[in-house]
Amino acid sequence: GELRGVMAPWATDGDVRREFRRMDADGNGVIDAAEMARAWLKSPASVWLEDKGFGEYARAFDELEVDMDSLVRLEEEDLEAMGVDDDLRRREILGEIAALKREVKESQGGE
């Protein structure tokens, strides 16, 4: 039920079952917080980019297979090498990445 709600509207029941099995690392039929975190880290960063208004770079991130784990490690030089040529857009993306890092840290009980 919940997984279906966050997947693309065109996802089939088979797609939902496959994604659930992929995320349920221990195979116990429940996706716990640790499994959810691992799955999130391996999810494509392109979805996050589009959500934040940087969709023009989503294809490049997909082609380079940038996942969320890689995204939070990117620096300005990396973005430039990936084709984010506009200085302002690079700074905006880096600002969103910094905000994401803060959110993750706070959600884990850090300050």
N, C-alpha and C. Protein backbone atom coordinates (compact mmCIF):
# COMPACT_ATOMS: atom_id res chain seq x y z
N GLY A 1 0.80 -1.20 0.00
CA GLY A 1 0.00 0.00 0.00
C GLY A 1 0.84 1.26 0.00
N GLU A 2 1.68 1.45 1.00
CA GLU A 2 2.45 2.69 1.11
C GLU A 2 3.46 2.82 -0.03
N LEU A 3 4.12 1.73 -0.38
CA LEU A 3 5.11 1.76 -1.46
C LEU A 3 4.44 2.13 -2.77
N ARG A 4 3.27 1.59 -3.03
CA ARG A 4 2.52 1.91 -4.24
C ARG A 4 2.28 3.41 -4.32
N GLY A 5 1.99 4.04 -3.19
CA GLY A 5 1.68 5.47 -3.16
C GLY A 5 2.85 6.37 -3.53
N VAL A 6 4.08 5.90 -3.36
CA VAL A 6 5.22 6.74 -3.68
C VAL A 6 5.86 6.40 -5.01
N MET A 7 5.38 5.34 -5.64
CA MET A 7 5.93 4.97 -6.94
C MET A 7 5.19 5.70 -8.05
N ALA A 8 5.79 5.71 -9.23
CA ALA A 8 5.19 6.38 -10.38
C ALA A 8 3.80 5.81 -10.64
N PRO A 9 2.88 6.66 -11.11
CA PRO A 9 1.50 6.20 -11.33
C PRO A 9 1.40 5.06 -12.34
N TRP A 10 2.36 4.95 -13.24
CA TRP A 10 2.31 3.91 -14.26
C TRP A 10 2.97 2.61 -13.81
N ALA A 11 3.48 2.59 -12.58
CA ALA A 11 4.11 1.36 -12.06
C ALA A 11 3.06 0.26 -11.95
N THR A 12 3.42 -0.92 -12.42
CA THR A 12 2.50 -2.06 -12.35
C THR A 12 2.61 -2.72 -10.98
N ASP A 13 1.67 -3.62 -10.69
CA ASP A 13 1.75 -4.38 -9.45
C ASP A 13 3.06 -5.17 -9.39
N GLY A 14 3.50 -5.68 -10.53
CA GLY A 14 4.77 -6.40 -10.59
C GLY A 14 5.94 -5.50 -10.24
N ASP A 15 5.90 -4.25 -10.72
CA ASP A 15 6.95 -3.28 -10.39
C ASP A 15 7.01 -3.05 -8.89
N VAL A 16 5.84 -2.91 -8.28
CA VAL A 16 5.77 -2.67 -6.83
C VAL A 16 6.33 -3.86 -6.07
N ARG A 17 5.95 -5.08 -6.48
CA ARG A 17 6.46 -6.29 -5.81
C ARG A 17 7.98 -6.40 -5.94
N ARG A 18 8.51 -6.12 -7.15
CA ARG A 18 9.97 -6.18 -7.36
C ARG A 18 10.69 -5.16 -6.49
N GLU A 19 10.17 -3.94 -6.44
CA GLU A 19 10.80 -2.90 -5.63
C GLU A 19 10.75 -3.27 -4.15
N PHE A 20 9.63 -3.82 -3.72
CA PHE A 20 9.52 -4.24 -2.32
C PHE A 20 10.57 -5.30 -2.00
N ARG A 21 10.69 -6.31 -2.87
CA ARG A 21 11.69 -7.37 -2.64
C ARG A 21 13.10 -6.80 -2.63
N ARG A 22 13.37 -5.82 -3.50
CA ARG A 22 14.69 -5.20 -3.55
C ARG A 22 14.99 -4.47 -2.24
N MET A 23 14.00 -3.78 -1.70
CA MET A 23 14.19 -2.99 -0.50
C MET A 23 14.22 -3.84 0.77
N ASP A 24 13.49 -4.95 0.77
CA ASP A 24 13.38 -5.82 1.95
C ASP A 24 14.59 -6.75 2.00
N ALA A 25 15.74 -6.19 2.42
CA ALA A 25 17.02 -6.90 2.36
C ALA A 25 17.03 -8.20 3.15
N ASP A 26 16.36 -8.23 4.30
CA ASP A 26 16.38 -9.45 5.10
C ASP A 26 15.26 -10.42 4.75
N GLY A 27 14.39 -10.01 3.83
CA GLY A 27 13.33 -10.90 3.34
C GLY A 27 12.25 -11.24 4.34
N ASN A 28 12.07 -10.40 5.37
CA ASN A 28 11.08 -10.71 6.40
C ASN A 28 9.69 -10.15 6.09
N GLY A 29 9.54 -9.52 4.93
CA GLY A 29 8.22 -8.99 4.55
C GLY A 29 7.92 -7.61 5.09
N VAL A 30 8.89 -7.01 5.77
CA VAL A 30 8.74 -5.66 6.34
C VAL A 30 9.96 -4.84 5.94
N ILE A 31 9.74 -3.61 5.50
CA ILE A 31 10.85 -2.72 5.19
C ILE A 31 11.05 -1.83 6.41
N ASP A 32 12.14 -2.09 7.15
CA ASP A 32 12.40 -1.30 8.36
C ASP A 32 13.17 -0.03 8.00
N ALA A 33 13.44 0.79 8.99
CA ALA A 33 14.08 2.09 8.76
C ALA A 33 15.47 1.93 8.13
N ALA A 34 16.23 0.96 8.57
CA ALA A 34 17.58 0.76 8.02
C ALA A 34 17.50 0.34 6.55
N GLU A 35 16.55 -0.54 6.22
CA GLU A 35 16.38 -0.96 4.82
C GLU A 35 15.91 0.21 3.96
N MET A 36 15.04 1.03 4.52
CA MET A 36 14.56 2.21 3.79
C MET A 36 15.71 3.17 3.52
N ALA A 37 16.56 3.38 4.51
CA ALA A 37 17.70 4.28 4.34
C ALA A 37 18.66 3.76 3.28
N ARG A 38 18.94 2.45 3.30
CA ARG A 38 19.83 1.88 2.28
C ARG A 38 19.24 2.03 0.89
N ALA A 39 17.94 1.79 0.77
CA ALA A 39 17.28 1.92 -0.54
C ALA A 39 17.32 3.37 -1.02
N TRP A 40 17.11 4.31 -0.09
CA TRP A 40 17.14 5.73 -0.47
C TRP A 40 18.52 6.12 -0.98
N LEU A 41 19.57 5.64 -0.30
CA LEU A 41 20.93 5.99 -0.72
C LEU A 41 21.23 5.50 -2.13
N LYS A 42 20.59 4.42 -2.54
CA LYS A 42 20.85 3.85 -3.87
C LYS A 42 19.85 4.34 -4.91
N SER A 43 18.91 5.20 -4.52
CA SER A 43 17.94 5.70 -5.48
C SER A 43 18.59 6.77 -6.36
N PRO A 44 18.10 6.92 -7.59
CA PRO A 44 18.71 7.88 -8.52
C PRO A 44 18.58 9.32 -8.02
N ALA A 45 19.68 10.04 -8.11
CA ALA A 45 19.68 11.45 -7.71
C ALA A 45 18.88 12.30 -8.68
N SER A 46 18.65 11.80 -9.89
CA SER A 46 17.93 12.58 -10.89
C SER A 46 16.51 12.93 -10.43
N VAL A 47 15.89 12.02 -9.69
CA VAL A 47 14.54 12.29 -9.18
C VAL A 47 14.58 13.47 -8.21
N TRP A 48 15.56 13.48 -7.32
CA TRP A 48 15.74 14.57 -6.36
C TRP A 48 16.00 15.88 -7.11
N LEU A 49 16.87 15.82 -8.13
CA LEU A 49 17.19 17.02 -8.92
C LEU A 49 15.94 17.63 -9.53
N GLU A 50 15.13 16.78 -10.15
CA GLU A 50 13.89 17.27 -10.76
C GLU A 50 12.98 17.89 -9.72
N ASP A 51 12.88 17.23 -8.57
CA ASP A 51 12.02 17.71 -7.50
C ASP A 51 12.47 19.08 -6.99
N LYS A 52 13.77 19.35 -7.03
CA LYS A 52 14.32 20.61 -6.54
C LYS A 52 14.40 21.68 -7.63
N GLY A 53 13.96 21.36 -8.84
CA GLY A 53 13.95 22.36 -9.91
C GLY A 53 15.19 22.37 -10.79
N PHE A 54 15.95 21.29 -10.76
CA PHE A 54 17.16 21.20 -11.57
C PHE A 54 17.04 20.08 -12.61
N GLY A 55 15.84 19.91 -13.12
CA GLY A 55 15.56 18.82 -14.04
C GLY A 55 16.39 18.81 -15.31
N GLU A 56 16.91 19.98 -15.68
CA GLU A 56 17.73 20.04 -16.90
C GLU A 56 19.02 19.23 -16.78
N TYR A 57 19.38 18.85 -15.55
CA TYR A 57 20.60 18.07 -15.35
C TYR A 57 20.31 16.60 -15.03
N ALA A 58 19.05 16.24 -14.95
CA ALA A 58 18.66 14.89 -14.55
C ALA A 58 19.24 13.83 -15.49
N ARG A 59 19.20 14.07 -16.78
CA ARG A 59 19.68 13.07 -17.73
C ARG A 59 21.17 12.78 -17.53
N ALA A 60 21.96 13.85 -17.34
CA ALA A 60 23.40 13.67 -17.12
C ALA A 60 23.65 12.85 -15.85
N PHE A 61 22.89 13.12 -14.81
CA PHE A 61 23.05 12.38 -13.55
C PHE A 61 22.67 10.92 -13.74
N ASP A 62 21.61 10.67 -14.52
CA ASP A 62 21.22 9.28 -14.81
C ASP A 62 22.29 8.57 -15.62
N GLU A 63 22.80 9.25 -16.63
CA GLU A 63 23.83 8.64 -17.48
C GLU A 63 25.08 8.28 -16.68
N LEU A 64 25.39 9.09 -15.68
CA LEU A 64 26.56 8.85 -14.83
C LEU A 64 26.22 7.97 -13.62
N GLU A 65 24.95 7.56 -13.55
CA GLU A 65 24.46 6.69 -12.47
C GLU A 65 24.72 7.28 -11.08
N VAL A 66 24.46 8.57 -10.94
CA VAL A 66 24.63 9.25 -9.65
C VAL A 66 23.44 8.89 -8.76
N ASP A 67 23.72 8.25 -7.63
CA ASP A 67 22.66 7.95 -6.67
C ASP A 67 22.74 8.96 -5.53
N MET A 68 21.84 8.84 -4.57
CA MET A 68 21.79 9.82 -3.48
C MET A 68 23.05 9.76 -2.62
N ASP A 69 23.63 8.58 -2.48
CA ASP A 69 24.86 8.44 -1.72
C ASP A 69 25.99 9.23 -2.38
N SER A 70 26.06 9.16 -3.70
CA SER A 70 27.08 9.92 -4.45
C SER A 70 26.77 11.41 -4.44
N LEU A 71 25.49 11.74 -4.55
CA LEU A 71 25.07 13.15 -4.62
C LEU A 71 25.61 13.95 -3.45
N VAL A 72 25.48 13.41 -2.25
CA VAL A 72 25.86 14.18 -1.06
C VAL A 72 27.38 14.34 -0.95
N ARG A 73 28.13 13.70 -1.81
CA ARG A 73 29.59 13.82 -1.81
C ARG A 73 30.10 14.75 -2.92
N LEU A 74 29.19 15.23 -3.78
CA LEU A 74 29.61 16.06 -4.90
C LEU A 74 30.12 17.42 -4.43
N GLU A 75 31.11 17.91 -5.15
CA GLU A 75 31.65 19.24 -4.91
C GLU A 75 31.51 20.05 -6.19
N GLU A 76 31.81 21.33 -6.10
CA GLU A 76 31.61 22.22 -7.23
C GLU A 76 32.33 21.73 -8.49
N GLU A 77 33.55 21.26 -8.33
CA GLU A 77 34.31 20.78 -9.50
C GLU A 77 33.63 19.59 -10.16
N ASP A 78 33.03 18.72 -9.34
CA ASP A 78 32.32 17.56 -9.86
C ASP A 78 31.13 18.00 -10.72
N LEU A 79 30.37 18.96 -10.19
CA LEU A 79 29.20 19.45 -10.93
C LEU A 79 29.62 20.08 -12.26
N GLU A 80 30.70 20.83 -12.24
CA GLU A 80 31.19 21.46 -13.47
C GLU A 80 31.59 20.38 -14.48
N ALA A 81 32.28 19.35 -14.02
CA ALA A 81 32.69 18.26 -14.91
C ALA A 81 31.49 17.49 -15.45
N MET A 82 30.38 17.52 -14.72
CA MET A 82 29.17 16.81 -15.14
C MET A 82 28.31 17.65 -16.07
N GLY A 83 28.75 18.86 -16.38
CA GLY A 83 28.02 19.69 -17.33
C GLY A 83 27.17 20.79 -16.73
N VAL A 84 27.29 21.01 -15.42
CA VAL A 84 26.58 22.14 -14.80
C VAL A 84 27.49 23.34 -14.96
N ASP A 85 27.38 24.00 -16.11
CA ASP A 85 28.31 25.08 -16.49
C ASP A 85 28.00 26.42 -15.84
N ASP A 86 26.75 26.64 -15.49
CA ASP A 86 26.33 27.92 -14.92
C ASP A 86 26.72 27.99 -13.45
N ASP A 87 27.54 29.00 -13.08
CA ASP A 87 28.01 29.16 -11.70
C ASP A 87 26.86 29.25 -10.70
N LEU A 88 25.84 30.02 -11.04
CA LEU A 88 24.70 30.20 -10.13
C LEU A 88 24.00 28.87 -9.90
N ARG A 89 23.75 28.09 -10.97
CA ARG A 89 23.07 26.80 -10.83
C ARG A 89 23.91 25.84 -9.99
N ARG A 90 25.23 25.86 -10.17
CA ARG A 90 26.10 25.01 -9.34
C ARG A 90 25.95 25.37 -7.87
N ARG A 91 25.99 26.66 -7.57
CA ARG A 91 25.85 27.12 -6.18
C ARG A 91 24.48 26.75 -5.62
N GLU A 92 23.45 26.87 -6.45
CA GLU A 92 22.10 26.52 -6.00
C GLU A 92 22.01 25.02 -5.69
N ILE A 93 22.56 24.21 -6.57
CA ILE A 93 22.54 22.75 -6.34
C ILE A 93 23.33 22.42 -5.07
N LEU A 94 24.51 23.02 -4.92
CA LEU A 94 25.31 22.77 -3.72
C LEU A 94 24.59 23.22 -2.46
N GLY A 95 23.84 24.31 -2.55
CA GLY A 95 23.04 24.77 -1.41
C GLY A 95 21.95 23.76 -1.05
N GLU A 96 21.31 23.19 -2.05
CA GLU A 96 20.28 22.17 -1.80
C GLU A 96 20.90 20.90 -1.24
N ILE A 97 22.09 20.55 -1.73
CA ILE A 97 22.79 19.37 -1.19
C ILE A 97 23.14 19.60 0.27
N ALA A 98 23.61 20.80 0.61
CA ALA A 98 23.93 21.12 2.00
C ALA A 98 22.68 21.02 2.88
N ALA A 99 21.56 21.52 2.38
CA ALA A 99 20.31 21.44 3.13
C ALA A 99 19.89 19.98 3.33
N LEU A 100 20.07 19.18 2.30
CA LEU A 100 19.75 17.75 2.38
C LEU A 100 20.61 17.07 3.45
N LYS A 101 21.90 17.39 3.46
CA LYS A 101 22.80 16.81 4.46
C LYS A 101 22.34 17.17 5.87
N ARG A 102 21.93 18.44 6.05
CA ARG A 102 21.43 18.87 7.37
C ARG A 102 20.17 18.09 7.76
N GLU A 103 19.26 17.93 6.81
CA GLU A 103 18.01 17.20 7.08
C GLU A 103 18.31 15.76 7.49
N VAL A 104 19.22 15.12 6.77
CA VAL A 104 19.56 13.74 7.09
C VAL A 104 20.19 13.66 8.47
N LYS A 105 21.10 14.56 8.76
CA LYS A 105 21.78 14.56 10.07
C LYS A 105 20.75 14.77 11.19
N GLU A 106 19.84 15.72 11.00
CA GLU A 106 18.81 15.98 12.01
C GLU A 106 17.89 14.78 12.20
N SER A 107 17.56 14.11 11.10
CA SER A 107 16.67 12.96 11.19
C SER A 107 17.32 11.78 11.91
N GLN A 108 18.65 11.80 11.96
CA GLN A 108 19.38 10.74 12.64
C GLN A 108 19.73 11.13 14.08
N GLY A 109 19.16 12.26 14.53
CA GLY A 109 19.37 12.69 15.90
C GLY A 109 20.59 13.55 16.11
N GLY A 110 21.26 13.95 15.02
CA GLY A 110 22.43 14.81 15.14
C GLY A 110 22.03 16.26 15.14
N GLU A 111 23.01 17.10 15.33
CA GLU A 111 22.72 18.54 15.32
C GLU A 111 23.49 19.22 14.25
